[in-house]
Amino acid sequence: MQKEPPADCLGTVIKTARKSKGWTQAHLAGLLKITPRHLKAIENSDRKPSYDLFVRLIRHLDIPADTIIYPEIPFNTGQQMPR
């Protein structure tokens, strides 16, 4: 039986990927066309992104969706995802 990822996994992965790019919450929020407060709530696991926002997040951060589904597998932010 497979373990469930921690409830705060999504926010942690997003925050880690954002910081690895050297981006502020305000910068990423601007790219996503959301408020920094909304992004902060997602990173703190207080809100879940819509499917559309989830897709935009992983594309801007260049992280595969599997990173969130399987957080125990490390990701390489240097790899470019197809757009």
PDB file of N, CA and C in Angstrom:
ATOM      1  N   MET A   1       0.832  -1.178   0.000  1.00  0.00           N
ATOM      2  CA  MET A   1       0.000   0.000   0.000  1.00  0.00           C
ATOM      3  C   MET A   1       0.883   1.250   0.000  1.00  0.00           C
ATOM      4  N   GLN A   2       0.555   2.194  -0.831  1.00  0.00           N
ATOM      5  CA  GLN A   2       1.347   3.407  -0.979  1.00  0.00           C
ATOM      6  C   GLN A   2       0.964   4.445   0.068  1.00  0.00           C
ATOM      7  N   LYS A   3       1.980   5.139   0.606  1.00  0.00           N
ATOM      8  CA  LYS A   3       1.728   6.186   1.591  1.00  0.00           C
ATOM      9  C   LYS A   3       1.123   7.409   0.927  1.00  0.00           C
ATOM     10  N   GLU A   4       0.244   8.079   1.652  1.00  0.00           N
ATOM     11  CA  GLU A   4      -0.313   9.349   1.189  1.00  0.00           C
ATOM     12  C   GLU A   4       0.720  10.437   1.447  1.00  0.00           C
ATOM     13  N   PRO A   5       0.878  11.393   0.508  1.00  0.00           N
ATOM     14  CA  PRO A   5       1.792  12.497   0.794  1.00  0.00           C
ATOM     15  C   PRO A   5       1.239  13.345   1.930  1.00  0.00           C
ATOM     16  N   PRO A   6       2.116  14.007   2.682  1.00  0.00           N
ATOM     17  CA  PRO A   6       1.630  14.863   3.766  1.00  0.00           C
ATOM     18  C   PRO A   6       0.697  15.945   3.235  1.00  0.00           C
ATOM     19  N   ALA A   7      -0.237  16.373   4.058  1.00  0.00           N
ATOM     20  CA  ALA A   7      -1.226  17.363   3.630  1.00  0.00           C
ATOM     21  C   ALA A   7      -0.583  18.667   3.201  1.00  0.00           C
ATOM     22  N   ASP A   8       0.550  19.011   3.802  1.00  0.00           N
ATOM     23  CA  ASP A   8       1.197  20.271   3.463  1.00  0.00           C
ATOM     24  C   ASP A   8       2.248  20.125   2.368  1.00  0.00           C
ATOM     25  N   CYS A   9       2.280  18.970   1.716  1.00  0.00           N
ATOM     26  CA  CYS A   9       3.286  18.691   0.696  1.00  0.00           C
ATOM     27  C   CYS A   9       3.250  19.694  -0.452  1.00  0.00           C
ATOM     28  N   LEU A  10       2.079  19.989  -0.969  1.00  0.00           N
ATOM     29  CA  LEU A  10       1.953  20.894  -2.112  1.00  0.00           C
ATOM     30  C   LEU A  10       2.577  22.246  -1.803  1.00  0.00           C
ATOM     31  N   GLY A  11       2.218  22.828  -0.677  1.00  0.00           N
ATOM     32  CA  GLY A  11       2.761  24.130  -0.309  1.00  0.00           C
ATOM     33  C   GLY A  11       4.264  24.104  -0.132  1.00  0.00           C
ATOM     34  N   THR A  12       4.768  23.043   0.487  1.00  0.00           N
ATOM     35  CA  THR A  12       6.205  22.916   0.711  1.00  0.00           C
ATOM     36  C   THR A  12       6.962  22.795  -0.602  1.00  0.00           C
ATOM     37  N   VAL A  13       6.459  21.993  -1.520  1.00  0.00           N
ATOM     38  CA  VAL A  13       7.114  21.826  -2.822  1.00  0.00           C
ATOM     39  C   VAL A  13       7.120  23.145  -3.585  1.00  0.00           C
ATOM     40  N   ILE A  14       6.003  23.849  -3.581  1.00  0.00           N
ATOM     41  CA  ILE A  14       5.910  25.127  -4.292  1.00  0.00           C
ATOM     42  C   ILE A  14       6.880  26.137  -3.692  1.00  0.00           C
ATOM     43  N   LYS A  15       6.899  26.230  -2.383  1.00  0.00           N
ATOM     44  CA  LYS A  15       7.783  27.184  -1.709  1.00  0.00           C
ATOM     45  C   LYS A  15       9.251  26.863  -1.984  1.00  0.00           C
ATOM     46  N   THR A  16       9.619  25.588  -1.909  1.00  0.00           N
ATOM     47  CA  THR A  16      10.997  25.168  -2.166  1.00  0.00           C
ATOM     48  C   THR A  16      11.404  25.487  -3.599  1.00  0.00           C
ATOM     49  N   ALA A  17      10.535  25.175  -4.558  1.00  0.00           N
ATOM     50  CA  ALA A  17      10.839  25.439  -5.969  1.00  0.00           C
ATOM     51  C   ALA A  17      10.953  26.937  -6.232  1.00  0.00           C
ATOM     52  N   ARG A  18      10.067  27.713  -5.634  1.00  0.00           N
ATOM     53  CA  ARG A  18      10.114  29.177  -5.812  1.00  0.00           C
ATOM     54  C   ARG A  18      11.421  29.738  -5.272  1.00  0.00           C
ATOM     55  N   LYS A  19      11.791  29.314  -4.078  1.00  0.00           N
ATOM     56  CA  LYS A  19      13.026  29.811  -3.469  1.00  0.00           C
ATOM     57  C   LYS A  19      14.259  29.363  -4.247  1.00  0.00           C
ATOM     58  N   SER A  20      14.223  28.158  -4.813  1.00  0.00           N
ATOM     59  CA  SER A  20      15.374  27.673  -5.582  1.00  0.00           C
ATOM     60  C   SER A  20      15.596  28.506  -6.841  1.00  0.00           C
ATOM     61  N   LYS A  21      14.551  29.159  -7.324  1.00  0.00           N
ATOM     62  CA  LYS A  21      14.668  30.060  -8.472  1.00  0.00           C
ATOM     63  C   LYS A  21      15.052  31.474  -8.037  1.00  0.00           C
ATOM     64  N   GLY A  22      15.072  31.708  -6.730  1.00  0.00           N
ATOM     65  CA  GLY A  22      15.400  33.030  -6.222  1.00  0.00           C
ATOM     66  C   GLY A  22      14.262  34.026  -6.362  1.00  0.00           C
ATOM     67  N   TRP A  23      13.042  33.520  -6.470  1.00  0.00           N
ATOM     68  CA  TRP A  23      11.868  34.369  -6.661  1.00  0.00           C
ATOM     69  C   TRP A  23      11.200  34.686  -5.329  1.00  0.00           C
ATOM     70  N   THR A  24      10.667  35.885  -5.233  1.00  0.00           N
ATOM     71  CA  THR A  24       9.843  36.256  -4.085  1.00  0.00           C
ATOM     72  C   THR A  24       8.416  35.776  -4.339  1.00  0.00           C
ATOM     73  N   GLN A  25       7.620  35.779  -3.288  1.00  0.00           N
ATOM     74  CA  GLN A  25       6.206  35.450  -3.461  1.00  0.00           C
ATOM     75  C   GLN A  25       5.545  36.460  -4.387  1.00  0.00           C
ATOM     76  N   ALA A  26       5.927  37.722  -4.260  1.00  0.00           N
ATOM     77  CA  ALA A  26       5.335  38.767  -5.106  1.00  0.00           C
ATOM     78  C   ALA A  26       5.656  38.533  -6.580  1.00  0.00           C
ATOM     79  N   HIS A  27       6.884  38.103  -6.873  1.00  0.00           N
ATOM     80  CA  HIS A  27       7.269  37.856  -8.268  1.00  0.00           C
ATOM     81  C   HIS A  27       6.453  36.706  -8.858  1.00  0.00           C
ATOM     82  N   LEU A  28       6.422  35.569  -8.149  1.00  0.00           N
ATOM     83  CA  LEU A  28       5.675  34.419  -8.662  1.00  0.00           C
ATOM     84  C   LEU A  28       4.188  34.731  -8.747  1.00  0.00           C
ATOM     85  N   ALA A  29       3.660  35.406  -7.753  1.00  0.00           N
ATOM     86  CA  ALA A  29       2.239  35.776  -7.784  1.00  0.00           C
ATOM     87  C   ALA A  29       1.938  36.632  -9.009  1.00  0.00           C
ATOM     88  N   GLY A  30       2.846  37.544  -9.353  1.00  0.00           N
ATOM     89  CA  GLY A  30       2.665  38.373 -10.542  1.00  0.00           C
ATOM     90  C   GLY A  30       2.631  37.541 -11.812  1.00  0.00           C
ATOM     91  N   LEU A  31       3.526  36.555 -11.910  1.00  0.00           N
ATOM     92  CA  LEU A  31       3.533  35.667 -13.081  1.00  0.00           C
ATOM     93  C   LEU A  31       2.233  34.874 -13.183  1.00  0.00           C
ATOM     94  N   LEU A  32       1.703  34.490 -12.034  1.00  0.00           N
ATOM     95  CA  LEU A  32       0.490  33.672 -11.987  1.00  0.00           C
ATOM     96  C   LEU A  32      -0.793  34.496 -12.062  1.00  0.00           C
ATOM     97  N   LYS A  33      -0.643  35.815 -11.929  1.00  0.00           N
ATOM     98  CA  LYS A  33      -1.789  36.735 -11.928  1.00  0.00           C
ATOM     99  C   LYS A  33      -2.729  36.460 -10.745  1.00  0.00           C
ATOM    100  N   ILE A  34      -2.092  36.244  -9.578  1.00  0.00           N
ATOM    101  CA  ILE A  34      -2.821  36.114  -8.318  1.00  0.00           C
ATOM    102  C   ILE A  34      -2.163  37.063  -7.315  1.00  0.00           C
ATOM    103  N   THR A  35      -2.779  37.247  -6.173  1.00  0.00           N
ATOM    104  CA  THR A  35      -2.182  38.116  -5.164  1.00  0.00           C
ATOM    105  C   THR A  35      -1.108  37.356  -4.383  1.00  0.00           C
ATOM    106  N   PRO A  36      -0.108  38.075  -3.870  1.00  0.00           N
ATOM    107  CA  PRO A  36       0.882  37.418  -3.013  1.00  0.00           C
ATOM    108  C   PRO A  36       0.229  36.747  -1.798  1.00  0.00           C
ATOM    109  N   ARG A  37      -0.854  37.325  -1.315  1.00  0.00           N
ATOM    110  CA  ARG A  37      -1.574  36.737  -0.178  1.00  0.00           C
ATOM    111  C   ARG A  37      -2.153  35.365  -0.542  1.00  0.00           C
ATOM    112  N   HIS A  38      -2.686  35.243  -1.755  1.00  0.00           N
ATOM    113  CA  HIS A  38      -3.224  33.966  -2.229  1.00  0.00           C
ATOM    114  C   HIS A  38      -2.097  32.936  -2.311  1.00  0.00           C
ATOM    115  N   LEU A  39      -0.951  33.328  -2.883  1.00  0.00           N
ATOM    116  CA  LEU A  39       0.185  32.410  -2.990  1.00  0.00           C
ATOM    117  C   LEU A  39       0.670  31.994  -1.606  1.00  0.00           C
ATOM    118  N   LYS A  40       0.749  32.938  -0.695  1.00  0.00           N
ATOM    119  CA  LYS A  40       1.180  32.626   0.673  1.00  0.00           C
ATOM    120  C   LYS A  40       0.244  31.592   1.303  1.00  0.00           C
ATOM    121  N   ALA A  41      -1.050  31.740   1.085  1.00  0.00           N
ATOM    122  CA  ALA A  41      -2.022  30.787   1.630  1.00  0.00           C
ATOM    123  C   ALA A  41      -1.812  29.390   1.044  1.00  0.00           C
ATOM    124  N   ILE A  42      -1.462  29.316  -0.236  1.00  0.00           N
ATOM    125  CA  ILE A  42      -1.185  28.016  -0.864  1.00  0.00           C
ATOM    126  C   ILE A  42       0.090  27.421  -0.277  1.00  0.00           C
ATOM    127  N   GLU A  43       1.146  28.233  -0.177  1.00  0.00           N
ATOM    128  CA  GLU A  43       2.415  27.745   0.368  1.00  0.00           C
ATOM    129  C   GLU A  43       2.283  27.299   1.822  1.00  0.00           C
ATOM    130  N   ASN A  44       1.390  27.934   2.566  1.00  0.00           N
ATOM    131  CA  ASN A  44       1.172  27.565   3.970  1.00  0.00           C
ATOM    132  C   ASN A  44       0.096  26.493   4.138  1.00  0.00           C
ATOM    133  N   SER A  45      -0.384  25.962   3.022  1.00  0.00           N
ATOM    134  CA  SER A  45      -1.405  24.909   3.001  1.00  0.00           C
ATOM    135  C   SER A  45      -2.726  25.353   3.623  1.00  0.00           C
ATOM    136  N   ASP A  46      -2.996  26.653   3.550  1.00  0.00           N
ATOM    137  CA  ASP A  46      -4.284  27.170   4.011  1.00  0.00           C
ATOM    138  C   ASP A  46      -5.323  27.155   2.894  1.00  0.00           C
ATOM    139  N   ARG A  47      -4.847  27.112   1.654  1.00  0.00           N
ATOM    140  CA  ARG A  47      -5.725  27.045   0.475  1.00  0.00           C
ATOM    141  C   ARG A  47      -5.141  26.052  -0.507  1.00  0.00           C
ATOM    142  N   LYS A  48      -6.014  25.470  -1.307  1.00  0.00           N
ATOM    143  CA  LYS A  48      -5.578  24.587  -2.394  1.00  0.00           C
ATOM    144  C   LYS A  48      -5.805  25.327  -3.703  1.00  0.00           C
ATOM    145  N   PRO A  49      -4.858  25.216  -4.639  1.00  0.00           N
ATOM    146  CA  PRO A  49      -5.052  25.895  -5.921  1.00  0.00           C
ATOM    147  C   PRO A  49      -6.082  25.172  -6.777  1.00  0.00           C
ATOM    148  N   SER A  50      -6.721  25.923  -7.652  1.00  0.00           N
ATOM    149  CA  SER A  50      -7.600  25.303  -8.645  1.00  0.00           C
ATOM    150  C   SER A  50      -6.724  24.478  -9.586  1.00  0.00           C
ATOM    151  N   TYR A  51      -7.350  23.636 -10.386  1.00  0.00           N
ATOM    152  CA  TYR A  51      -6.587  22.843 -11.350  1.00  0.00           C
ATOM    153  C   TYR A  51      -5.806  23.757 -12.293  1.00  0.00           C
ATOM    154  N   ASP A  52      -6.456  24.805 -12.794  1.00  0.00           N
ATOM    155  CA  ASP A  52      -5.803  25.740 -13.706  1.00  0.00           C
ATOM    156  C   ASP A  52      -4.586  26.394 -13.047  1.00  0.00           C
ATOM    157  N   LEU A  53      -4.730  26.829 -11.820  1.00  0.00           N
ATOM    158  CA  LEU A  53      -3.615  27.457 -11.112  1.00  0.00           C
ATOM    159  C   LEU A  53      -2.518  26.437 -10.827  1.00  0.00           C
ATOM    160  N   PHE A  54      -2.886  25.217 -10.487  1.00  0.00           N
ATOM    161  CA  PHE A  54      -1.911  24.150 -10.263  1.00  0.00           C
ATOM    162  C   PHE A  54      -1.047  23.958 -11.507  1.00  0.00           C
ATOM    163  N   VAL A  55      -1.676  23.904 -12.670  1.00  0.00           N
ATOM    164  CA  VAL A  55      -0.938  23.721 -13.929  1.00  0.00           C
ATOM    165  C   VAL A  55      -0.003  24.905 -14.165  1.00  0.00           C
ATOM    166  N   ARG A  56      -0.492  26.124 -13.944  1.00  0.00           N
ATOM    167  CA  ARG A  56       0.362  27.307 -14.127  1.00  0.00           C
ATOM    168  C   ARG A  56       1.536  27.292 -13.144  1.00  0.00           C
ATOM    169  N   LEU A  57       1.288  26.863 -11.920  1.00  0.00           N
ATOM    170  CA  LEU A  57       2.362  26.780 -10.923  1.00  0.00           C
ATOM    171  C   LEU A  57       3.473  25.842 -11.373  1.00  0.00           C
ATOM    172  N   ILE A  58       3.109  24.624 -11.754  1.00  0.00           N
ATOM    173  CA  ILE A  58       4.157  23.667 -12.121  1.00  0.00           C
ATOM    174  C   ILE A  58       4.872  24.082 -13.404  1.00  0.00           C
ATOM    175  N   ARG A  59       4.191  24.769 -14.291  1.00  0.00           N
ATOM    176  CA  ARG A  59       4.849  25.240 -15.514  1.00  0.00           C
ATOM    177  C   ARG A  59       5.822  26.381 -15.227  1.00  0.00           C
ATOM    178  N   HIS A  60       5.396  27.367 -14.454  1.00  0.00           N
ATOM    179  CA  HIS A  60       6.287  28.490 -14.134  1.00  0.00           C
ATOM    180  C   HIS A  60       7.475  28.044 -13.288  1.00  0.00           C
ATOM    181  N   LEU A  61       7.251  27.084 -12.414  1.00  0.00           N
ATOM    182  CA  LEU A  61       8.318  26.616 -11.533  1.00  0.00           C
ATOM    183  C   LEU A  61       9.144  25.496 -12.155  1.00  0.00           C
ATOM    184  N   ASP A  62       8.739  25.030 -13.329  1.00  0.00           N
ATOM    185  CA  ASP A  62       9.445  23.946 -14.032  1.00  0.00           C
ATOM    186  C   ASP A  62       9.590  22.702 -13.160  1.00  0.00           C
ATOM    187  N   ILE A  63       8.488  22.313 -12.527  1.00  0.00           N
ATOM    188  CA  ILE A  63       8.501  21.089 -11.732  1.00  0.00           C
ATOM    189  C   ILE A  63       7.444  20.131 -12.270  1.00  0.00           C
ATOM    190  N   PRO A  64       7.749  18.831 -12.284  1.00  0.00           N
ATOM    191  CA  PRO A  64       6.747  17.865 -12.736  1.00  0.00           C
ATOM    192  C   PRO A  64       5.661  17.659 -11.676  1.00  0.00           C
ATOM    193  N   ALA A  65       4.472  17.367 -12.120  1.00  0.00           N
ATOM    194  CA  ALA A  65       3.362  17.104 -11.190  1.00  0.00           C
ATOM    195  C   ALA A  65       3.694  15.930 -10.274  1.00  0.00           C
ATOM    196  N   ASP A  66       4.485  14.983 -10.766  1.00  0.00           N
ATOM    197  CA  ASP A  66       4.873  13.832  -9.946  1.00  0.00           C
ATOM    198  C   ASP A  66       5.608  14.252  -8.680  1.00  0.00           C
ATOM    199  N   THR A  67       6.270  15.394  -8.711  1.00  0.00           N
ATOM    200  CA  THR A  67       6.985  15.883  -7.537  1.00  0.00           C
ATOM    201  C   THR A  67       6.024  16.109  -6.379  1.00  0.00           C
ATOM    202  N   ILE A  68       4.817  16.505  -6.697  1.00  0.00           N
ATOM    203  CA  ILE A  68       3.821  16.751  -5.662  1.00  0.00           C
ATOM    204  C   ILE A  68       3.126  15.449  -5.268  1.00  0.00           C
ATOM    205  N   ILE A  69       2.904  14.584  -6.240  1.00  0.00           N
ATOM    206  CA  ILE A  69       2.235  13.313  -5.975  1.00  0.00           C
ATOM    207  C   ILE A  69       3.168  12.345  -5.246  1.00  0.00           C
ATOM    208  N   TYR A  70       4.456  12.374  -5.626  1.00  0.00           N
ATOM    209  CA  TYR A  70       5.477  11.507  -5.021  1.00  0.00           C
ATOM    210  C   TYR A  70       6.584  12.379  -4.439  1.00  0.00           C
ATOM    211  N   PRO A  71       6.355  13.035  -3.303  1.00  0.00           N
ATOM    212  CA  PRO A  71       7.324  13.998  -2.771  1.00  0.00           C
ATOM    213  C   PRO A  71       8.651  13.390  -2.330  1.00  0.00           C
ATOM    214  N   GLU A  72       8.692  12.080  -2.138  1.00  0.00           N
ATOM    215  CA  GLU A  72       9.938  11.451  -1.706  1.00  0.00           C
ATOM    216  C   GLU A  72      10.970  11.358  -2.830  1.00  0.00           C
ATOM    217  N   ILE A  73      10.549  11.592  -4.068  1.00  0.00           N
ATOM    218  CA  ILE A  73      11.462  11.561  -5.208  1.00  0.00           C
ATOM    219  C   ILE A  73      11.947  12.983  -5.464  1.00  0.00           C
ATOM    220  N   PRO A  74      13.276  13.230  -5.365  1.00  0.00           N
ATOM    221  CA  PRO A  74      13.772  14.596  -5.565  1.00  0.00           C
ATOM    222  C   PRO A  74      13.572  15.071  -6.997  1.00  0.00           C
ATOM    223  N   PHE A  75      13.431  16.380  -7.168  1.00  0.00           N
ATOM    224  CA  PHE A  75      13.275  16.941  -8.505  1.00  0.00           C
ATOM    225  C   PHE A  75      14.439  17.849  -8.822  1.00  0.00           C
ATOM    226  N   ASN A  76      14.689  18.012 -10.107  1.00  0.00           N
ATOM    227  CA  ASN A  76      15.774  18.852 -10.595  1.00  0.00           C
ATOM    228  C   ASN A  76      15.148  20.045 -11.284  1.00  0.00           C
ATOM    229  N   THR A  77      15.271  21.232 -10.684  1.00  0.00           N
ATOM    230  CA  THR A  77      14.648  22.419 -11.263  1.00  0.00           C
ATOM    231  C   THR A  77      15.358  22.870 -12.528  1.00  0.00           C
ATOM    232  N   GLY A  78      16.496  22.273 -12.840  1.00  0.00           N
ATOM    233  CA  GLY A  78      17.219  22.637 -14.052  1.00  0.00           C
ATOM    234  C   GLY A  78      16.626  22.011 -15.304  1.00  0.00           C
ATOM    235  N   GLN A  79      15.756  21.030 -15.140  1.00  0.00           N
ATOM    236  CA  GLN A  79      15.142  20.387 -16.291  1.00  0.00           C
ATOM    237  C   GLN A  79      13.965  21.210 -16.766  1.00  0.00           C
ATOM    238  N   GLN A  80      13.899  21.432 -18.054  1.00  0.00           N
ATOM    239  CA  GLN A  80      12.812  22.223 -18.638  1.00  0.00           C
ATOM    240  C   GLN A  80      11.652  21.302 -18.985  1.00  0.00           C
ATOM    241  N   MET A  81      10.469  21.676 -18.554  1.00  0.00           N
ATOM    242  CA  MET A  81       9.272  20.917 -18.896  1.00  0.00           C
ATOM    243  C   MET A  81       8.730  21.394 -20.229  1.00  0.00           C
ATOM    244  N   PRO A  82       8.132  20.490 -21.013  1.00  0.00           N
ATOM    245  CA  PRO A  82       7.494  20.933 -22.256  1.00  0.00           C
ATOM    246  C   PRO A  82       6.307  21.825 -21.945  1.00  0.00           C
ATOM    247  N   ARG A  83       6.073  22.820 -22.773  1.00  0.00           N
ATOM    248  CA  ARG A  83       4.966  23.757 -22.536  1.00  0.00           C
ATOM    249  C   ARG A  83       3.873  23.559 -23.535  1.00  0.00           C
TER     250      ARG A  83
END
